[in-house]
Amino acid sequence: MWGLTMKMKRLKQAIIQWNKNNFGDIYGNIKVAEQAMEIKELVFRDDSSPEKKQDLLEAQ
């Protein structure tokens, strides 16, 4: 039984590490994306050219 417990602990640590490597800080990524979206919206308000509109649509 002890061997199974140790295997499960090692597996848990491996999964945690894999998750961090593949997905990173998802809450931080969301915050960065929201900030980038706000900046693009402000830029579009100042200059509503077709290029800026396309940038805004791509950010959404």
Protein backbone atom coordinates (compact mmCIF):
# COMPACT_ATOMS: atom_id res chain seq x y z
CA MET A 1 0.00 0.00 0.00
CA TRP A 2 2.88 2.35 0.78
CA GLY A 3 4.23 1.93 -2.77
CA LEU A 4 0.92 2.94 -4.31
CA THR A 5 0.76 6.03 -2.09
CA MET A 6 4.23 7.11 -3.18
CA LYS A 7 3.38 6.54 -6.87
CA MET A 8 0.28 8.68 -6.51
CA LYS A 9 2.25 11.50 -4.84
CA ARG A 10 4.87 11.45 -7.62
CA LEU A 11 2.14 11.40 -10.27
CA LYS A 12 0.42 14.36 -8.62
CA GLN A 13 3.63 16.40 -8.66
CA ALA A 14 4.26 15.50 -12.30
CA ILE A 15 0.74 16.58 -13.27
CA ILE A 16 1.07 19.86 -11.36
CA GLN A 17 4.37 20.62 -13.13
CA TRP A 18 2.92 19.70 -16.54
CA ASN A 19 -0.07 21.96 -15.91
CA LYS A 20 2.16 24.92 -14.99
CA ASN A 21 4.38 24.38 -18.04
CA ASN A 22 1.50 24.11 -20.51
CA PHE A 23 -0.99 26.63 -19.20
CA GLY A 24 1.00 28.95 -16.95
CA ASP A 25 -0.77 31.53 -14.86
CA ILE A 26 -4.22 31.51 -16.46
CA TYR A 27 -5.52 34.33 -14.28
CA GLY A 28 -2.53 36.49 -15.17
CA ASN A 29 -3.00 35.68 -18.86
CA ILE A 30 -6.64 36.78 -18.67
CA LYS A 31 -5.68 40.02 -16.97
CA VAL A 32 -3.05 40.78 -19.64
CA ALA A 33 -5.54 40.04 -22.44
CA GLU A 34 -8.15 42.32 -20.86
CA GLN A 35 -5.62 45.13 -20.55
CA ALA A 36 -4.58 44.72 -24.19
CA MET A 37 -8.24 44.83 -25.20
CA GLU A 38 -8.79 48.07 -23.26
CA ILE A 39 -5.78 49.66 -24.96
CA LYS A 40 -7.02 48.66 -28.41
CA GLU A 41 -10.47 50.06 -27.62
CA LEU A 42 -8.94 53.39 -26.60
CA VAL A 43 -6.81 53.50 -29.74
CA PHE A 44 -9.88 52.74 -31.86
CA ARG A 45 -11.83 55.56 -30.21
CA ASP A 46 -9.08 58.02 -31.13
CA ASP A 47 -8.52 56.70 -34.65
CA SER A 48 -11.41 54.72 -36.13
CA SER A 49 -9.58 53.70 -39.28
CA PRO A 50 -10.29 50.28 -40.85
CA GLU A 51 -6.88 49.01 -39.70
CA LYS A 52 -7.62 49.88 -36.08
CA LYS A 53 -11.06 48.30 -36.37
CA GLN A 54 -9.46 45.10 -37.65
CA ASP A 55 -6.99 45.12 -34.74
CA LEU A 56 -9.88 45.51 -32.32
CA LEU A 57 -11.85 42.67 -33.90
CA GLU A 58 -8.81 40.37 -33.78
CA ALA A 59 -8.29 41.16 -30.10
CA GLN A 60 -11.85 40.15 -29.29
